[in-house]
Structures are given as C-alpha cells and as structure tokens.
Amino acid sequence: MSQGRRHLTITTVVDADACAVLRVAGELDVHAERQFLDEAGAVIAAGHRFLVLDLTALRFCDSRGLNCLLALEWLCRRMNGRLLLASLGVRVLHVLVVTRAVDALACFPTVGHALAAVPEEIRPAWPPGGTVAADGADSADRDRTAP
C-alpha cells in the first residue's frame, strides 16, 4: 500500500473477503495519523470487517496513534467485526497498558493467534502459502517471538 520512504509503511499481507492482515512498520504518531487512517480505513470500507494489524515492526505509538487504533476498532465494530492487534512490541504494549486501552483492544502474541479469533467461515489461511504448527503459530510468528 505505502510507497517510498515514509514515516510509516502499511503493507497488505492477506486480503480475503471479510478479513485482511496488514503489516504496520515505523512510527504511528501525529505525522502519520492521516496516512494510517486513510489507508487502513479504506481497507475496512472495502468490506474487511475483521482487520488484523501485525505490529511487529511498529517502533513507536503515541496518544495520536492510540486514537487511530481506537477509531479503527470503532469502524470494525460498526460493521460487526473487530480490530485485532498482533505481535505488539514492548513500547506499544506499554502505551496500551498505561492508558488502559489494552482492555478495549484485542491483543494477541502472533498473527496466527489473532486470526484464530476470526470466525472460521471467513478466516483466511495463515500463513499465506505456509503451514501452521499445532500451537496456532506459524514459523514466522515463532521467529519473531523467540528470545
């Protein structure tokens, strides 16, 4: 989705009928909020009522970024869906915990775990073109969460 050298990049990983997985990288703050809301909002407007955000490469999220996540959650809920956050880094998780937004947002250790919360009839295959272990984590998820 995003091109060039930007403050924030959003990449579509999976684009299924009612569910999409986006990889978000960079910094989600006042400088990136319009881009983030435009790009992610367009995915929801296209009918993807379940939106999984892979936040492995999101280095920073401030209060403006948090408001963006809450806005996406609201949009998904209006369509009888859900925003699912996966692979949050320590800094992003800290913002969610301190603000108690962690209670309002669905957070999962991996994309595979987040997709397990999507209704089976609309759940896309994960990983794309790969295999899933018995614990629900794909090999890429395990690599990102390994110590």
Foldseek 3Di string as FASTA:
>chain_A
DDDDDDQKDWAWQDQFQQETEIEIAHEQDPRCLVVLCVVLVVSVVSRNLEYEYEDLHHPYYDPSNVVSQVVNQVSSVVVVYGYEYECDDPRVVVRCVVVVVPVVHHYYDHPQVRLVPPPPVGRDDPPVVADADPVRHGPVSCVSPPD
